[in-house]
Amino acid sequence: MVGATVGPFKGWSEWDPEAEAVRQEVNAFIRDSGVFDAVTDFDRVLRSPYDHERILPSLDGGDHLHPNDKGMQAMADAVDLTSLDRSAPAVT
C-alpha cells in the first residue's frame, strides 16, 4: 500500500491554522508511521520553498487547492513506479 501526503492549500477558502495543523499531523503519520509500504510525498513536490503551506505558484491551478497541469505532472513524476508491485495478490 502506497500512502500519499496531503498537499499544501493555504489561500483556499477553507484553509486556517487549525486545518494546517491537521494536515501536518496527517502528513507526519503518513511519512513516519511505517504503516505504508511506500510513500509518495505530494506535499514536498507541490509546496513553495518560500511558504510550505502554499502550492508553488507555477503548479497552482488557481484555487490554491488543486494543482494545474504542471502540478499534476509533477505529482505523477513523483510516484515511484517500483512501489506499485503488480505481483501482489488481489484483495478479494
PDB file of N, CA and C in Angstrom:
ATOM      1  N   MET A   1       0.847  -1.155   0.000  1.00  0.00           N
ATOM      2  CA  MET A   1       0.000   0.000   0.000  1.00  0.00           C
ATOM      3  C   MET A   1       0.905   1.234   0.000  1.00  0.00           C
ATOM      4  N   VAL A   2       0.599   2.152  -0.893  1.00  0.00           N
ATOM      5  CA  VAL A   2       1.368   3.385  -1.019  1.00  0.00           C
ATOM      6  C   VAL A   2       0.546   4.525  -0.422  1.00  0.00           C
ATOM      7  N   GLY A   3       1.129   5.231   0.535  1.00  0.00           N
ATOM      8  CA  GLY A   3       0.493   6.404   1.117  1.00  0.00           C
ATOM      9  C   GLY A   3       0.948   7.647   0.378  1.00  0.00           C
ATOM     10  N   ALA A   4       0.121   8.655   0.360  1.00  0.00           N
ATOM     11  CA  ALA A   4       0.477   9.926  -0.272  1.00  0.00           C
ATOM     12  C   ALA A   4       0.123  11.063   0.679  1.00  0.00           C
ATOM     13  N   THR A   5       1.050  11.988   0.824  1.00  0.00           N
ATOM     14  CA  THR A   5       0.819  13.116   1.718  1.00  0.00           C
ATOM     15  C   THR A   5      -0.181  14.094   1.110  1.00  0.00           C
ATOM     16  N   VAL A   6      -0.746  14.908   1.991  1.00  0.00           N
ATOM     17  CA  VAL A   6      -1.713  15.932   1.603  1.00  0.00           C
ATOM     18  C   VAL A   6      -0.937  17.189   1.207  1.00  0.00           C
ATOM     19  N   GLY A   7      -1.237  17.711   0.044  1.00  0.00           N
ATOM     20  CA  GLY A   7      -0.542  18.894  -0.448  1.00  0.00           C
ATOM     21  C   GLY A   7      -0.955  20.159   0.278  1.00  0.00           C
ATOM     22  N   PRO A   8      -0.158  21.203   0.137  1.00  0.00           N
ATOM     23  CA  PRO A   8      -0.462  22.479   0.774  1.00  0.00           C
ATOM     24  C   PRO A   8      -1.692  23.133   0.160  1.00  0.00           C
ATOM     25  N   PHE A   9      -2.389  23.939   0.968  1.00  0.00           N
ATOM     26  CA  PHE A   9      -3.591  24.585   0.431  1.00  0.00           C
ATOM     27  C   PHE A   9      -3.858  25.955   1.047  1.00  0.00           C
ATOM     28  N   LYS A  10      -2.840  26.591   1.594  1.00  0.00           N
ATOM     29  CA  LYS A  10      -3.027  27.940   2.138  1.00  0.00           C
ATOM     30  C   LYS A  10      -3.469  28.874   1.011  1.00  0.00           C
ATOM     31  N   GLY A  11      -4.476  29.687   1.291  1.00  0.00           N
ATOM     32  CA  GLY A  11      -5.048  30.563   0.279  1.00  0.00           C
ATOM     33  C   GLY A  11      -6.408  30.086  -0.190  1.00  0.00           C
ATOM     34  N   TRP A  12      -6.691  28.796  -0.018  1.00  0.00           N
ATOM     35  CA  TRP A  12      -8.006  28.248  -0.332  1.00  0.00           C
ATOM     36  C   TRP A  12      -8.970  28.703   0.752  1.00  0.00           C
ATOM     37  N   SER A  13     -10.227  28.850   0.428  1.00  0.00           N
ATOM     38  CA  SER A  13     -11.210  29.422   1.358  1.00  0.00           C
ATOM     39  C   SER A  13     -11.365  28.627   2.650  1.00  0.00           C
ATOM     40  N   GLU A  14     -11.091  27.345   2.643  1.00  0.00           N
ATOM     41  CA  GLU A  14     -11.260  26.514   3.840  1.00  0.00           C
ATOM     42  C   GLU A  14      -9.990  26.416   4.683  1.00  0.00           C
ATOM     43  N   TRP A  15      -8.887  27.049   4.239  1.00  0.00           N
ATOM     44  CA  TRP A  15      -7.641  26.956   4.997  1.00  0.00           C
ATOM     45  C   TRP A  15      -7.709  27.845   6.228  1.00  0.00           C
ATOM     46  N   ASP A  16      -7.215  27.310   7.329  1.00  0.00           N
ATOM     47  CA  ASP A  16      -6.974  28.102   8.525  1.00  0.00           C
ATOM     48  C   ASP A  16      -5.866  27.391   9.306  1.00  0.00           C
ATOM     49  N   PRO A  17      -5.317  28.024  10.342  1.00  0.00           N
ATOM     50  CA  PRO A  17      -4.207  27.398  11.073  1.00  0.00           C
ATOM     51  C   PRO A  17      -4.551  26.030  11.657  1.00  0.00           C
ATOM     52  N   GLU A  18      -5.788  25.834  12.058  1.00  0.00           N
ATOM     53  CA  GLU A  18      -6.186  24.537  12.598  1.00  0.00           C
ATOM     54  C   GLU A  18      -6.169  23.461  11.511  1.00  0.00           C
ATOM     55  N   ALA A  19      -6.669  23.804  10.337  1.00  0.00           N
ATOM     56  CA  ALA A  19      -6.634  22.853   9.219  1.00  0.00           C
ATOM     57  C   ALA A  19      -5.197  22.530   8.841  1.00  0.00           C
ATOM     58  N   GLU A  20      -4.340  23.521   8.877  1.00  0.00           N
ATOM     59  CA  GLU A  20      -2.923  23.298   8.570  1.00  0.00           C
ATOM     60  C   GLU A  20      -2.291  22.365   9.600  1.00  0.00           C
ATOM     61  N   ALA A  21      -2.640  22.539  10.859  1.00  0.00           N
ATOM     62  CA  ALA A  21      -2.099  21.663  11.903  1.00  0.00           C
ATOM     63  C   ALA A  21      -2.526  20.213  11.670  1.00  0.00           C
ATOM     64  N   VAL A  22      -3.771  20.010  11.268  1.00  0.00           N
ATOM     65  CA  VAL A  22      -4.244  18.653  10.961  1.00  0.00           C
ATOM     66  C   VAL A  22      -3.481  18.096   9.765  1.00  0.00           C
ATOM     67  N   ARG A  23      -3.295  18.913   8.729  1.00  0.00           N
ATOM     68  CA  ARG A  23      -2.551  18.458   7.548  1.00  0.00           C
ATOM     69  C   ARG A  23      -1.140  18.030   7.940  1.00  0.00           C
ATOM     70  N   GLN A  24      -0.494  18.813   8.772  1.00  0.00           N
ATOM     71  CA  GLN A  24       0.863  18.484   9.210  1.00  0.00           C
ATOM     72  C   GLN A  24       0.882  17.178  10.015  1.00  0.00           C
ATOM     73  N   GLU A  25      -0.119  16.993  10.862  1.00  0.00           N
ATOM     74  CA  GLU A  25      -0.205  15.774  11.665  1.00  0.00           C
ATOM     75  C   GLU A  25      -0.437  14.550  10.775  1.00  0.00           C
ATOM     76  N   VAL A  26      -1.349  14.683   9.831  1.00  0.00           N
ATOM     77  CA  VAL A  26      -1.627  13.574   8.913  1.00  0.00           C
ATOM     78  C   VAL A  26      -0.377  13.247   8.094  1.00  0.00           C
ATOM     79  N   ASN A  27       0.278  14.268   7.574  1.00  0.00           N
ATOM     80  CA  ASN A  27       1.471  14.028   6.765  1.00  0.00           C
ATOM     81  C   ASN A  27       2.594  13.388   7.576  1.00  0.00           C
ATOM     82  N   ALA A  28       2.754  13.796   8.826  1.00  0.00           N
ATOM     83  CA  ALA A  28       3.772  13.166   9.676  1.00  0.00           C
ATOM     84  C   ALA A  28       3.460  11.686   9.868  1.00  0.00           C
ATOM     85  N   PHE A  29       2.182  11.370  10.068  1.00  0.00           N
ATOM     86  CA  PHE A  29       1.792   9.965  10.204  1.00  0.00           C
ATOM     87  C   PHE A  29       2.099   9.195   8.920  1.00  0.00           C
ATOM     88  N   ILE A  30       1.725   9.755   7.795  1.00  0.00           N
ATOM     89  CA  ILE A  30       1.944   9.072   6.520  1.00  0.00           C
ATOM     90  C   ILE A  30       3.437   8.832   6.301  1.00  0.00           C
ATOM     91  N   ARG A  31       4.261   9.838   6.574  1.00  0.00           N
ATOM     92  CA  ARG A  31       5.710   9.713   6.356  1.00  0.00           C
ATOM     93  C   ARG A  31       6.385   8.782   7.352  1.00  0.00           C
ATOM     94  N   ASP A  32       5.963   8.824   8.612  1.00  0.00           N
ATOM     95  CA  ASP A  32       6.766   8.229   9.678  1.00  0.00           C
ATOM     96  C   ASP A  32       6.185   7.000  10.357  1.00  0.00           C
ATOM     97  N   SER A  33       4.942   6.663  10.100  1.00  0.00           N
ATOM     98  CA  SER A  33       4.295   5.589  10.864  1.00  0.00           C
ATOM     99  C   SER A  33       4.809   4.196  10.516  1.00  0.00           C
ATOM    100  N   GLY A  34       5.282   4.020   9.296  1.00  0.00           N
ATOM    101  CA  GLY A  34       5.682   2.687   8.865  1.00  0.00           C
ATOM    102  C   GLY A  34       4.517   1.820   8.438  1.00  0.00           C
ATOM    103  N   VAL A  35       3.321   2.377   8.424  1.00  0.00           N
ATOM    104  CA  VAL A  35       2.123   1.635   8.034  1.00  0.00           C
ATOM    105  C   VAL A  35       2.125   1.326   6.540  1.00  0.00           C
ATOM    106  N   PHE A  36       2.716   2.214   5.762  1.00  0.00           N
ATOM    107  CA  PHE A  36       2.670   2.082   4.310  1.00  0.00           C
ATOM    108  C   PHE A  36       3.917   1.384   3.782  1.00  0.00           C
ATOM    109  N   ASP A  37       3.743   0.659   2.683  1.00  0.00           N
ATOM    110  CA  ASP A  37       4.874   0.011   2.028  1.00  0.00           C
ATOM    111  C   ASP A  37       5.781   1.035   1.362  1.00  0.00           C
ATOM    112  N   ALA A  38       5.188   2.145   0.940  1.00  0.00           N
ATOM    113  CA  ALA A  38       5.930   3.239   0.303  1.00  0.00           C
ATOM    114  C   ALA A  38       5.127   4.519   0.506  1.00  0.00           C
ATOM    115  N   VAL A  39       5.794   5.644   0.351  1.00  0.00           N
ATOM    116  CA  VAL A  39       5.140   6.946   0.497  1.00  0.00           C
ATOM    117  C   VAL A  39       5.510   7.811  -0.695  1.00  0.00           C
ATOM    118  N   THR A  40       4.515   8.451  -1.274  1.00  0.00           N
ATOM    119  CA  THR A  40       4.732   9.485  -2.277  1.00  0.00           C
ATOM    120  C   THR A  40       4.433  10.811  -1.597  1.00  0.00           C
ATOM    121  N   ASP A  41       5.414  11.693  -1.586  1.00  0.00           N
ATOM    122  CA  ASP A  41       5.296  12.929  -0.821  1.00  0.00           C
ATOM    123  C   ASP A  41       4.845  14.083  -1.707  1.00  0.00           C
ATOM    124  N   PHE A  42       3.532  14.133  -1.966  1.00  0.00           N
ATOM    125  CA  PHE A  42       2.971  15.206  -2.784  1.00  0.00           C
ATOM    126  C   PHE A  42       3.153  16.568  -2.117  1.00  0.00           C
ATOM    127  N   ASP A  43       3.180  16.605  -0.792  1.00  0.00           N
ATOM    128  CA  ASP A  43       3.421  17.863  -0.085  1.00  0.00           C
ATOM    129  C   ASP A  43       4.760  18.463  -0.517  1.00  0.00           C
ATOM    130  N   ARG A  44       5.811  17.687  -0.482  1.00  0.00           N
ATOM    131  CA  ARG A  44       7.143  18.197  -0.852  1.00  0.00           C
ATOM    132  C   ARG A  44       7.217  18.556  -2.332  1.00  0.00           C
ATOM    133  N   VAL A  45       6.506  17.828  -3.160  1.00  0.00           N
ATOM    134  CA  VAL A  45       6.519  18.086  -4.606  1.00  0.00           C
ATOM    135  C   VAL A  45       5.829  19.404  -4.944  1.00  0.00           C
ATOM    136  N   LEU A  46       4.727  19.690  -4.263  1.00  0.00           N
ATOM    137  CA  LEU A  46       3.887  20.825  -4.631  1.00  0.00           C
ATOM    138  C   LEU A  46       4.191  22.116  -3.884  1.00  0.00           C
ATOM    139  N   ARG A  47       4.783  22.042  -2.715  1.00  0.00           N
ATOM    140  CA  ARG A  47       4.878  23.234  -1.861  1.00  0.00           C
ATOM    141  C   ARG A  47       5.903  24.246  -2.347  1.00  0.00           C
ATOM    142  N   SER A  48       5.602  25.482  -2.028  1.00  0.00           N
ATOM    143  CA  SER A  48       6.509  26.583  -2.337  1.00  0.00           C
ATOM    144  C   SER A  48       7.691  26.538  -1.385  1.00  0.00           C
ATOM    145  N   PRO A  49       8.905  26.771  -1.865  1.00  0.00           N
ATOM    146  CA  PRO A  49      10.056  26.810  -0.955  1.00  0.00           C
ATOM    147  C   PRO A  49      10.015  28.042  -0.046  1.00  0.00           C
ATOM    148  N   TYR A  50       9.192  29.016  -0.383  1.00  0.00           N
ATOM    149  CA  TYR A  50       9.108  30.256   0.380  1.00  0.00           C
ATOM    150  C   TYR A  50       7.993  30.227   1.425  1.00  0.00           C
ATOM    151  N   ASP A  51       7.014  29.366   1.231  1.00  0.00           N
ATOM    152  CA  ASP A  51       5.901  29.222   2.165  1.00  0.00           C
ATOM    153  C   ASP A  51       5.387  27.798   2.014  1.00  0.00           C
ATOM    154  N   HIS A  52       5.821  26.910   2.899  1.00  0.00           N
ATOM    155  CA  HIS A  52       5.499  25.484   2.778  1.00  0.00           C
ATOM    156  C   HIS A  52       4.017  25.182   2.926  1.00  0.00           C
ATOM    157  N   GLU A  53       3.236  26.163   3.311  1.00  0.00           N
ATOM    158  CA  GLU A  53       1.795  25.962   3.449  1.00  0.00           C
ATOM    159  C   GLU A  53       1.048  26.272   2.154  1.00  0.00           C
ATOM    160  N   ARG A  54       1.762  26.768   1.136  1.00  0.00           N
ATOM    161  CA  ARG A  54       1.150  27.140  -0.150  1.00  0.00           C
ATOM    162  C   ARG A  54       1.700  26.278  -1.282  1.00  0.00           C
ATOM    163  N   ILE A  55       0.859  26.058  -2.293  1.00  0.00           N
ATOM    164  CA  ILE A  55       1.314  25.415  -3.520  1.00  0.00           C
ATOM    165  C   ILE A  55       2.245  26.384  -4.241  1.00  0.00           C
ATOM    166  N   LEU A  56       3.297  25.858  -4.792  1.00  0.00           N
ATOM    167  CA  LEU A  56       4.190  26.654  -5.627  1.00  0.00           C
ATOM    168  C   LEU A  56       3.351  27.330  -6.710  1.00  0.00           C
ATOM    169  N   PRO A  57       3.433  28.650  -6.860  1.00  0.00           N
ATOM    170  CA  PRO A  57       2.549  29.340  -7.815  1.00  0.00           C
ATOM    171  C   PRO A  57       2.549  28.754  -9.226  1.00  0.00           C
ATOM    172  N   SER A  58       3.687  28.271  -9.687  1.00  0.00           N
ATOM    173  CA  SER A  58       3.739  27.711 -11.044  1.00  0.00           C
ATOM    174  C   SER A  58       3.023  26.371 -11.161  1.00  0.00           C
ATOM    175  N   LEU A  59       2.648  25.774 -10.017  1.00  0.00           N
ATOM    176  CA  LEU A  59       1.941  24.487 -10.019  1.00  0.00           C
ATOM    177  C   LEU A  59       0.489  24.619  -9.566  1.00  0.00           C
ATOM    178  N   ASP A  60       0.081  25.822  -9.187  1.00  0.00           N
ATOM    179  CA  ASP A  60      -1.254  26.080  -8.636  1.00  0.00           C
ATOM    180  C   ASP A  60      -2.281  26.230  -9.749  1.00  0.00           C
ATOM    181  N   GLY A  61      -3.384  25.492  -9.622  1.00  0.00           N
ATOM    182  CA  GLY A  61      -4.458  25.571 -10.604  1.00  0.00           C
ATOM    183  C   GLY A  61      -5.298  26.834 -10.491  1.00  0.00           C
ATOM    184  N   GLY A  62      -5.048  27.649  -9.477  1.00  0.00           N
ATOM    185  CA  GLY A  62      -5.746  28.916  -9.347  1.00  0.00           C
ATOM    186  C   GLY A  62      -6.621  29.024  -8.113  1.00  0.00           C
ATOM    187  N   ASP A  63      -7.014  27.879  -7.539  1.00  0.00           N
ATOM    188  CA  ASP A  63      -7.853  27.936  -6.341  1.00  0.00           C
ATOM    189  C   ASP A  63      -7.052  27.684  -5.065  1.00  0.00           C
ATOM    190  N   HIS A  64      -5.758  27.487  -5.207  1.00  0.00           N
ATOM    191  CA  HIS A  64      -4.832  27.249  -4.091  1.00  0.00           C
ATOM    192  C   HIS A  64      -5.047  25.895  -3.421  1.00  0.00           C
ATOM    193  N   LEU A  65      -5.772  25.025  -4.078  1.00  0.00           N
ATOM    194  CA  LEU A  65      -6.024  23.679  -3.573  1.00  0.00           C
ATOM    195  C   LEU A  65      -5.634  22.628  -4.606  1.00  0.00           C
ATOM    196  N   HIS A  66      -6.070  22.842  -5.857  1.00  0.00           N
ATOM    197  CA  HIS A  66      -5.838  21.859  -6.910  1.00  0.00           C
ATOM    198  C   HIS A  66      -4.659  22.282  -7.784  1.00  0.00           C
ATOM    199  N   PRO A  67      -3.775  21.346  -8.096  1.00  0.00           N
ATOM    200  CA  PRO A  67      -2.659  21.654  -8.994  1.00  0.00           C
ATOM    201  C   PRO A  67      -3.136  21.875 -10.429  1.00  0.00           C
ATOM    202  N   ASN A  68      -2.363  22.636 -11.174  1.00  0.00           N
ATOM    203  CA  ASN A  68      -2.611  22.785 -12.603  1.00  0.00           C
ATOM    204  C   ASN A  68      -1.990  21.588 -13.330  1.00  0.00           C
ATOM    205  N   ASP A  69      -1.963  21.628 -14.650  1.00  0.00           N
ATOM    206  CA  ASP A  69      -1.407  20.502 -15.417  1.00  0.00           C
ATOM    207  C   ASP A  69       0.047  20.232 -15.056  1.00  0.00           C
ATOM    208  N   LYS A  70       0.850  21.294 -14.878  1.00  0.00           N
ATOM    209  CA  LYS A  70       2.254  21.103 -14.479  1.00  0.00           C
ATOM    210  C   LYS A  70       2.343  20.467 -13.095  1.00  0.00           C
ATOM    211  N   GLY A  71       1.461  20.867 -12.208  1.00  0.00           N
ATOM    212  CA  GLY A  71       1.438  20.285 -10.874  1.00  0.00           C
ATOM    213  C   GLY A  71       1.041  18.820 -10.905  1.00  0.00           C
ATOM    214  N   MET A  72       0.046  18.502 -11.717  1.00  0.00           N
ATOM    215  CA  MET A  72      -0.363  17.095 -11.857  1.00  0.00           C
ATOM    216  C   MET A  72       0.772  16.253 -12.432  1.00  0.00           C
ATOM    217  N   GLN A  73       1.505  16.818 -13.395  1.00  0.00           N
ATOM    218  CA  GLN A  73       2.642  16.091 -13.963  1.00  0.00           C
ATOM    219  C   GLN A  73       3.727  15.893 -12.916  1.00  0.00           C
ATOM    220  N   ALA A  74       3.977  16.920 -12.106  1.00  0.00           N
ATOM    221  CA  ALA A  74       4.971  16.800 -11.033  1.00  0.00           C
ATOM    222  C   ALA A  74       4.570  15.711 -10.042  1.00  0.00           C
ATOM    223  N   MET A  75       3.286  15.635  -9.738  1.00  0.00           N
ATOM    224  CA  MET A  75       2.802  14.591  -8.838  1.00  0.00           C
ATOM    225  C   MET A  75       2.991  13.212  -9.475  1.00  0.00           C
ATOM    226  N   ALA A  76       2.636  13.091 -10.732  1.00  0.00           N
ATOM    227  CA  ALA A  76       2.795  11.807 -11.424  1.00  0.00           C
ATOM    228  C   ALA A  76       4.258  11.394 -11.469  1.00  0.00           C
ATOM    229  N   ASP A  77       5.132  12.356 -11.733  1.00  0.00           N
ATOM    230  CA  ASP A  77       6.561  12.059 -11.799  1.00  0.00           C
ATOM    231  C   ASP A  77       7.130  11.640 -10.449  1.00  0.00           C
ATOM    232  N   ALA A  78       6.477  12.043  -9.363  1.00  0.00           N
ATOM    233  CA  ALA A  78       6.967  11.728  -8.023  1.00  0.00           C
ATOM    234  C   ALA A  78       6.648  10.297  -7.592  1.00  0.00           C
ATOM    235  N   VAL A  79       5.738   9.649  -8.273  1.00  0.00           N
ATOM    236  CA  VAL A  79       5.358   8.289  -7.894  1.00  0.00           C
ATOM    237  C   VAL A  79       6.455   7.323  -8.330  1.00  0.00           C
ATOM    238  N   ASP A  80       6.964   6.577  -7.360  1.00  0.00           N
ATOM    239  CA  ASP A  80       7.963   5.549  -7.641  1.00  0.00           C
ATOM    240  C   ASP A  80       7.226   4.323  -8.178  1.00  0.00           C
ATOM    241  N   LEU A  81       7.316   4.120  -9.470  1.00  0.00           N
ATOM    242  CA  LEU A  81       6.555   3.033 -10.084  1.00  0.00           C
ATOM    243  C   LEU A  81       6.961   1.665  -9.570  1.00  0.00           C
ATOM    244  N   THR A  82       8.180   1.536  -9.065  1.00  0.00           N
ATOM    245  CA  THR A  82       8.577   0.236  -8.498  1.00  0.00           C
ATOM    246  C   THR A  82       7.831  -0.052  -7.198  1.00  0.00           C
ATOM    247  N   SER A  83       7.238   0.983  -6.577  1.00  0.00           N
ATOM    248  CA  SER A  83       6.465   0.763  -5.353  1.00  0.00           C
ATOM    249  C   SER A  83       5.082   0.189  -5.654  1.00  0.00           C
ATOM    250  N   LEU A  84       4.720   0.161  -6.913  1.00  0.00           N
ATOM    251  CA  LEU A  84       3.422  -0.385  -7.322  1.00  0.00           C
ATOM    252  C   LEU A  84       3.639  -1.805  -7.809  1.00  0.00           C
ATOM    253  N   ASP A  85       3.795  -2.711  -6.897  1.00  0.00           N
ATOM    254  CA  ASP A  85       4.129  -4.098  -7.202  1.00  0.00           C
ATOM    255  C   ASP A  85       2.919  -4.831  -7.756  1.00  0.00           C
ATOM    256  N   ARG A  86       2.960  -5.100  -9.031  1.00  0.00           N
ATOM    257  CA  ARG A  86       1.838  -5.785  -9.686  1.00  0.00           C
ATOM    258  C   ARG A  86       1.804  -7.282  -9.367  1.00  0.00           C
ATOM    259  N   SER A  87       2.852  -7.806  -8.766  1.00  0.00           N
ATOM    260  CA  SER A  87       2.871  -9.247  -8.474  1.00  0.00           C
ATOM    261  C   SER A  87       2.116  -9.595  -7.194  1.00  0.00           C
ATOM    262  N   ALA A  88       1.704  -8.576  -6.435  1.00  0.00           N
ATOM    263  CA  ALA A  88       0.963  -8.845  -5.196  1.00  0.00           C
ATOM    264  C   ALA A  88      -0.411  -9.418  -5.531  1.00  0.00           C
ATOM    265  N   PRO A  89      -0.899 -10.348  -4.723  1.00  0.00           N
ATOM    266  CA  PRO A  89      -2.218 -10.918  -4.996  1.00  0.00           C
ATOM    267  C   PRO A  89      -3.314  -9.878  -4.807  1.00  0.00           C
ATOM    268  N   ALA A  90      -4.364 -10.010  -5.586  1.00  0.00           N
ATOM    269  CA  ALA A  90      -5.501  -9.091  -5.480  1.00  0.00           C
ATOM    270  C   ALA A  90      -6.256  -9.361  -4.187  1.00  0.00           C
ATOM    271  N   VAL A  91      -6.770  -8.306  -3.606  1.00  0.00           N
ATOM    272  CA  VAL A  91      -7.591  -8.443  -2.397  1.00  0.00           C
ATOM    273  C   VAL A  91      -9.010  -8.735  -2.837  1.00  0.00           C
ATOM    274  N   THR A  92      -9.593  -9.758  -2.247  1.00  0.00           N
ATOM    275  CA  THR A  92     -10.976 -10.118  -2.594  1.00  0.00           C
ATOM    276  C   THR A  92     -11.879 -10.016  -1.398  1.00  0.00           C
TER     277      THR A  92
END
